């Protein structure tokens, strides 16, 4: 999942990744991104916005 469609998302696609665009702070985006997913890699930087989203 990429937060926006940009050159980084495209670079991942050229390496063979299936990229979806969404927001990790929106549960529906995460659920949609994982629907039918057989494997995923999760790597996230720490930011105040993401820390606030964690209950």
PDB file of N, CA and C in Angstrom:
ATOM      1  N   UNK A   1       0.849  -1.165   0.000  1.00  0.00           N
ATOM      2  CA  UNK A   1       0.000   0.000   0.000  1.00  0.00           C
ATOM      3  C   UNK A   1       0.897   1.231   0.000  1.00  0.00           C
ATOM      4  N   UNK A   2       0.628   2.103  -0.910  1.00  0.00           N
ATOM      5  CA  UNK A   2       1.322   3.385  -0.979  1.00  0.00           C
ATOM      6  C   UNK A   2       0.309   4.479  -0.656  1.00  0.00           C
ATOM      7  N   UNK A   3       0.766   5.521  -0.022  1.00  0.00           N
ATOM      8  CA  UNK A   3      -0.143   6.598   0.359  1.00  0.00           C
ATOM      9  C   UNK A   3      -0.616   7.395  -0.851  1.00  0.00           C
ATOM     10  N   UNK A   4       0.222   7.475  -1.865  1.00  0.00           N
ATOM     11  CA  UNK A   4      -0.172   8.193  -3.089  1.00  0.00           C
ATOM     12  C   UNK A   4       0.474   7.549  -4.300  1.00  0.00           C
ATOM     13  N   UNK A   5      -0.137   7.804  -5.409  1.00  0.00           N
ATOM     14  CA  UNK A   5       0.384   7.318  -6.690  1.00  0.00           C
ATOM     15  C   UNK A   5       1.510   8.248  -7.108  1.00  0.00           C
ATOM     16  N   UNK A   6       2.746   7.752  -7.085  1.00  0.00           N
ATOM     17  CA  UNK A   6       3.879   8.577  -7.473  1.00  0.00           C
ATOM     18  C   UNK A   6       4.989   7.696  -8.029  1.00  0.00           C
ATOM     19  N   UNK A   7       6.158   8.285  -8.229  1.00  0.00           N
ATOM     20  CA  UNK A   7       7.258   7.533  -8.836  1.00  0.00           C
ATOM     21  C   UNK A   7       7.739   6.386  -7.945  1.00  0.00           C
ATOM     22  N   UNK A   8       7.571   6.508  -6.643  1.00  0.00           N
ATOM     23  CA  UNK A   8       7.976   5.415  -5.746  1.00  0.00           C
ATOM     24  C   UNK A   8       7.062   4.214  -5.917  1.00  0.00           C
ATOM     25  N   UNK A   9       5.766   4.460  -6.043  1.00  0.00           N
ATOM     26  CA  UNK A   9       4.829   3.370  -6.279  1.00  0.00           C
ATOM     27  C   UNK A   9       5.124   2.702  -7.616  1.00  0.00           C
ATOM     28  N   UNK A  10       5.420   3.491  -8.607  1.00  0.00           N
ATOM     29  CA  UNK A  10       5.741   2.943  -9.928  1.00  0.00           C
ATOM     30  C   UNK A  10       7.036   2.135  -9.891  1.00  0.00           C
ATOM     31  N   UNK A  11       8.016   2.605  -9.136  1.00  0.00           N
ATOM     32  CA  UNK A  11       9.275   1.857  -9.017  1.00  0.00           C
ATOM     33  C   UNK A  11       9.043   0.489  -8.396  1.00  0.00           C
ATOM     34  N   UNK A  12       8.167   0.418  -7.410  1.00  0.00           N
ATOM     35  CA  UNK A  12       7.837  -0.884  -6.803  1.00  0.00           C
ATOM     36  C   UNK A  12       7.170  -1.800  -7.818  1.00  0.00           C
ATOM     37  N   UNK A  13       6.277  -1.236  -8.620  1.00  0.00           N
ATOM     38  CA  UNK A  13       5.610  -2.040  -9.656  1.00  0.00           C
ATOM     39  C   UNK A  13       6.621  -2.601 -10.657  1.00  0.00           C
ATOM     40  N   UNK A  14       7.602  -1.796 -11.026  1.00  0.00           N
ATOM     41  CA  UNK A  14       8.588  -2.278 -11.999  1.00  0.00           C
ATOM     42  C   UNK A  14       9.431  -3.409 -11.427  1.00  0.00           C
ATOM     43  N   UNK A  15       9.484  -3.511 -10.089  1.00  0.00           N
ATOM     44  CA  UNK A  15      10.197  -4.616  -9.446  1.00  0.00           C
ATOM     45  C   UNK A  15       9.298  -5.822  -9.213  1.00  0.00           C
ATOM     46  N   UNK A  16       8.030  -5.703  -9.627  1.00  0.00           N
ATOM     47  CA  UNK A  16       7.120  -6.837  -9.533  1.00  0.00           C
ATOM     48  C   UNK A  16       6.108  -6.790  -8.411  1.00  0.00           C
ATOM     49  N   UNK A  17       6.104  -5.715  -7.639  1.00  0.00           N
ATOM     50  CA  UNK A  17       5.150  -5.603  -6.538  1.00  0.00           C
ATOM     51  C   UNK A  17       3.778  -5.180  -7.052  1.00  0.00           C
ATOM     52  N   UNK A  18       2.740  -5.689  -6.417  1.00  0.00           N
ATOM     53  CA  UNK A  18       1.378  -5.195  -6.675  1.00  0.00           C
ATOM     54  C   UNK A  18       1.143  -4.087  -5.663  1.00  0.00           C
ATOM     55  N   UNK A  19       0.931  -2.887  -6.141  1.00  0.00           N
ATOM     56  CA  UNK A  19       0.801  -1.721  -5.265  1.00  0.00           C
ATOM     57  C   UNK A  19      -0.635  -1.219  -5.301  1.00  0.00           C
ATOM     58  N   UNK A  20      -1.191  -0.970  -4.117  1.00  0.00           N
ATOM     59  CA  UNK A  20      -2.496  -0.324  -4.011  1.00  0.00           C
ATOM     60  C   UNK A  20      -2.289   0.998  -3.282  1.00  0.00           C
ATOM     61  N   UNK A  21      -3.118   1.956  -3.572  1.00  0.00           N
ATOM     62  CA  UNK A  21      -3.012   3.275  -2.955  1.00  0.00           C
ATOM     63  C   UNK A  21      -4.060   3.375  -1.853  1.00  0.00           C
ATOM     64  N   UNK A  22      -3.646   3.839  -0.679  1.00  0.00           N
ATOM     65  CA  UNK A  22      -4.570   3.974   0.434  1.00  0.00           C
ATOM     66  C   UNK A  22      -3.912   4.685   1.601  1.00  0.00           C
ATOM     67  N   UNK A  23      -4.633   4.729   2.701  1.00  0.00           N
ATOM     68  CA  UNK A  23      -4.192   5.424   3.904  1.00  0.00           C
ATOM     69  C   UNK A  23      -4.245   4.449   5.072  1.00  0.00           C
ATOM     70  N   UNK A  24      -3.101   4.210   5.722  1.00  0.00           N
ATOM     71  CA  UNK A  24      -3.044   3.262   6.836  1.00  0.00           C
ATOM     72  C   UNK A  24      -3.880   3.692   8.036  1.00  0.00           C
ATOM     73  N   UNK A  25      -4.277   4.954   8.112  1.00  0.00           N
ATOM     74  CA  UNK A  25      -5.109   5.402   9.226  1.00  0.00           C
ATOM     75  C   UNK A  25      -6.588   5.162   8.955  1.00  0.00           C
ATOM     76  N   UNK A  26      -6.916   4.645   7.759  1.00  0.00           N
ATOM     77  CA  UNK A  26      -8.314   4.332   7.418  1.00  0.00           C
ATOM     78  C   UNK A  26      -8.461   2.814   7.344  1.00  0.00           C
ATOM     79  N   UNK A  27      -9.188   2.254   8.306  1.00  0.00           N
ATOM     80  CA  UNK A  27      -9.345   0.794   8.392  1.00  0.00           C
ATOM     81  C   UNK A  27      -9.900   0.204   7.106  1.00  0.00           C
ATOM     82  N   UNK A  28     -10.821   0.887   6.458  1.00  0.00           N
ATOM     83  CA  UNK A  28     -11.408   0.373   5.225  1.00  0.00           C
ATOM     84  C   UNK A  28     -10.357   0.265   4.119  1.00  0.00           C
ATOM     85  N   UNK A  29      -9.428   1.203   4.046  1.00  0.00           N
ATOM     86  CA  UNK A  29      -8.357   1.131   3.050  1.00  0.00           C
ATOM     87  C   UNK A  29      -7.473  -0.085   3.296  1.00  0.00           C
ATOM     88  N   UNK A  30      -7.147  -0.336   4.561  1.00  0.00           N
ATOM     89  CA  UNK A  30      -6.299  -1.478   4.906  1.00  0.00           C
ATOM     90  C   UNK A  30      -7.025  -2.784   4.589  1.00  0.00           C
ATOM     91  N   UNK A  31      -8.292  -2.890   4.970  1.00  0.00           N
ATOM     92  CA  UNK A  31      -9.070  -4.098   4.689  1.00  0.00           C
ATOM     93  C   UNK A  31      -9.179  -4.336   3.190  1.00  0.00           C
ATOM     94  N   UNK A  32      -9.435  -3.289   2.430  1.00  0.00           N
ATOM     95  CA  UNK A  32      -9.526  -3.425   0.973  1.00  0.00           C
ATOM     96  C   UNK A  32      -8.196  -3.874   0.380  1.00  0.00           C
ATOM     97  N   UNK A  33      -7.101  -3.330   0.895  1.00  0.00           N
ATOM     98  CA  UNK A  33      -5.779  -3.666   0.376  1.00  0.00           C
ATOM     99  C   UNK A  33      -5.419  -5.121   0.659  1.00  0.00           C
ATOM    100  N   UNK A  34      -5.883  -5.654   1.787  1.00  0.00           N
ATOM    101  CA  UNK A  34      -5.532  -7.025   2.161  1.00  0.00           C
ATOM    102  C   UNK A  34      -6.497  -8.074   1.621  1.00  0.00           C
ATOM    103  N   UNK A  35      -7.625  -7.656   1.068  1.00  0.00           N
ATOM    104  CA  UNK A  35      -8.603  -8.612   0.540  1.00  0.00           C
ATOM    105  C   UNK A  35      -7.963  -9.453  -0.564  1.00  0.00           C
ATOM    106  N   UNK A  36      -7.982 -10.758  -0.371  1.00  0.00           N
ATOM    107  CA  UNK A  36      -7.430 -11.666  -1.364  1.00  0.00           C
ATOM    108  C   UNK A  36      -5.910 -11.727  -1.374  1.00  0.00           C
ATOM    109  N   UNK A  37      -5.292 -11.116  -0.405  1.00  0.00           N
ATOM    110  CA  UNK A  37      -3.834 -11.045  -0.356  1.00  0.00           C
ATOM    111  C   UNK A  37      -3.259 -12.366   0.161  1.00  0.00           C
ATOM    112  N   UNK A  38      -2.292 -12.896  -0.562  1.00  0.00           N
ATOM    113  CA  UNK A  38      -1.623 -14.106  -0.141  1.00  0.00           C
ATOM    114  C   UNK A  38      -0.342 -13.835   0.625  1.00  0.00           C
ATOM    115  N   UNK A  39       0.261 -12.691   0.381  1.00  0.00           N
ATOM    116  CA  UNK A  39       1.526 -12.335   1.023  1.00  0.00           C
ATOM    117  C   UNK A  39       1.678 -10.822   0.989  1.00  0.00           C
ATOM    118  N   UNK A  40       2.261 -10.276   2.039  1.00  0.00           N
ATOM    119  CA  UNK A  40       2.499  -8.835   2.069  1.00  0.00           C
ATOM    120  C   UNK A  40       3.765  -8.539   2.851  1.00  0.00           C
ATOM    121  N   UNK A  41       4.344  -7.394   2.570  1.00  0.00           N
ATOM    122  CA  UNK A  41       5.486  -6.882   3.321  1.00  0.00           C
ATOM    123  C   UNK A  41       5.045  -5.578   3.952  1.00  0.00           C
ATOM    124  N   UNK A  42       5.314  -5.418   5.237  1.00  0.00           N
ATOM    125  CA  UNK A  42       4.912  -4.202   5.936  1.00  0.00           C
ATOM    126  C   UNK A  42       6.148  -3.490   6.463  1.00  0.00           C
ATOM    127  N   UNK A  43       6.352  -2.286   6.030  1.00  0.00           N
ATOM    128  CA  UNK A  43       7.441  -1.447   6.528  1.00  0.00           C
ATOM    129  C   UNK A  43       6.914  -0.025   6.610  1.00  0.00           C
ATOM    130  N   UNK A  44       6.911   0.548   7.791  1.00  0.00           N
ATOM    131  CA  UNK A  44       6.317   1.869   7.956  1.00  0.00           C
ATOM    132  C   UNK A  44       7.246   2.751   8.775  1.00  0.00           C
ATOM    133  N   UNK A  45       7.433   3.961   8.340  1.00  0.00           N
ATOM    134  CA  UNK A  45       8.180   4.932   9.119  1.00  0.00           C
ATOM    135  C   UNK A  45       7.327   5.429  10.276  1.00  0.00           C
ATOM    136  N   UNK A  46       7.962   5.884  11.315  1.00  0.00           N
ATOM    137  CA  UNK A  46       7.246   6.415  12.469  1.00  0.00           C
ATOM    138  C   UNK A  46       6.937   7.883  12.217  1.00  0.00           C
ATOM    139  N   UNK A  47       5.681   8.233  12.365  1.00  0.00           N
ATOM    140  CA  UNK A  47       5.272   9.630  12.233  1.00  0.00           C
ATOM    141  C   UNK A  47       4.208   9.926  13.277  1.00  0.00           C
ATOM    142  N   UNK A  48       4.065  11.167  13.631  1.00  0.00           N
ATOM    143  CA  UNK A  48       3.058  11.558  14.622  1.00  0.00           C
ATOM    144  C   UNK A  48       1.664  11.149  14.173  1.00  0.00           C
ATOM    145  N   UNK A  49       1.375  11.282  12.884  1.00  0.00           N
ATOM    146  CA  UNK A  49       0.050  10.935  12.361  1.00  0.00           C
ATOM    147  C   UNK A  49      -0.257   9.460  12.592  1.00  0.00           C
ATOM    148  N   UNK A  50       0.677   8.580  12.331  1.00  0.00           N
ATOM    149  CA  UNK A  50       0.449   7.147  12.520  1.00  0.00           C
ATOM    150  C   UNK A  50       0.377   6.793  14.006  1.00  0.00           C
ATOM    151  N   UNK A  51       1.176   7.443  14.841  1.00  0.00           N
ATOM    152  CA  UNK A  51       1.120   7.175  16.271  1.00  0.00           C
ATOM    153  C   UNK A  51      -0.220   7.580  16.844  1.00  0.00           C
ATOM    154  N   UNK A  52      -0.807   8.661  16.360  1.00  0.00           N
ATOM    155  CA  UNK A  52      -2.120   9.102  16.813  1.00  0.00           C
ATOM    156  C   UNK A  52      -3.223   8.135  16.389  1.00  0.00           C
ATOM    157  N   UNK A  53      -3.027   7.425  15.272  1.00  0.00           N
ATOM    158  CA  UNK A  53      -4.047   6.525  14.760  1.00  0.00           C
ATOM    159  C   UNK A  53      -4.122   5.224  15.554  1.00  0.00           C
ATOM    160  N   UNK A  54      -3.099   4.929  16.349  1.00  0.00           N
ATOM    161  CA  UNK A  54      -3.081   3.703  17.138  1.00  0.00           C
ATOM    162  C   UNK A  54      -3.843   3.940  18.430  1.00  0.00           C
ATOM    163  N   UNK A  55      -4.864   3.087  18.692  1.00  0.00           N
ATOM    164  CA  UNK A  55      -5.651   3.284  19.925  1.00  0.00           C
ATOM    165  C   UNK A  55      -4.866   2.982  21.183  1.00  0.00           C
TER     166      UNK A  55
END
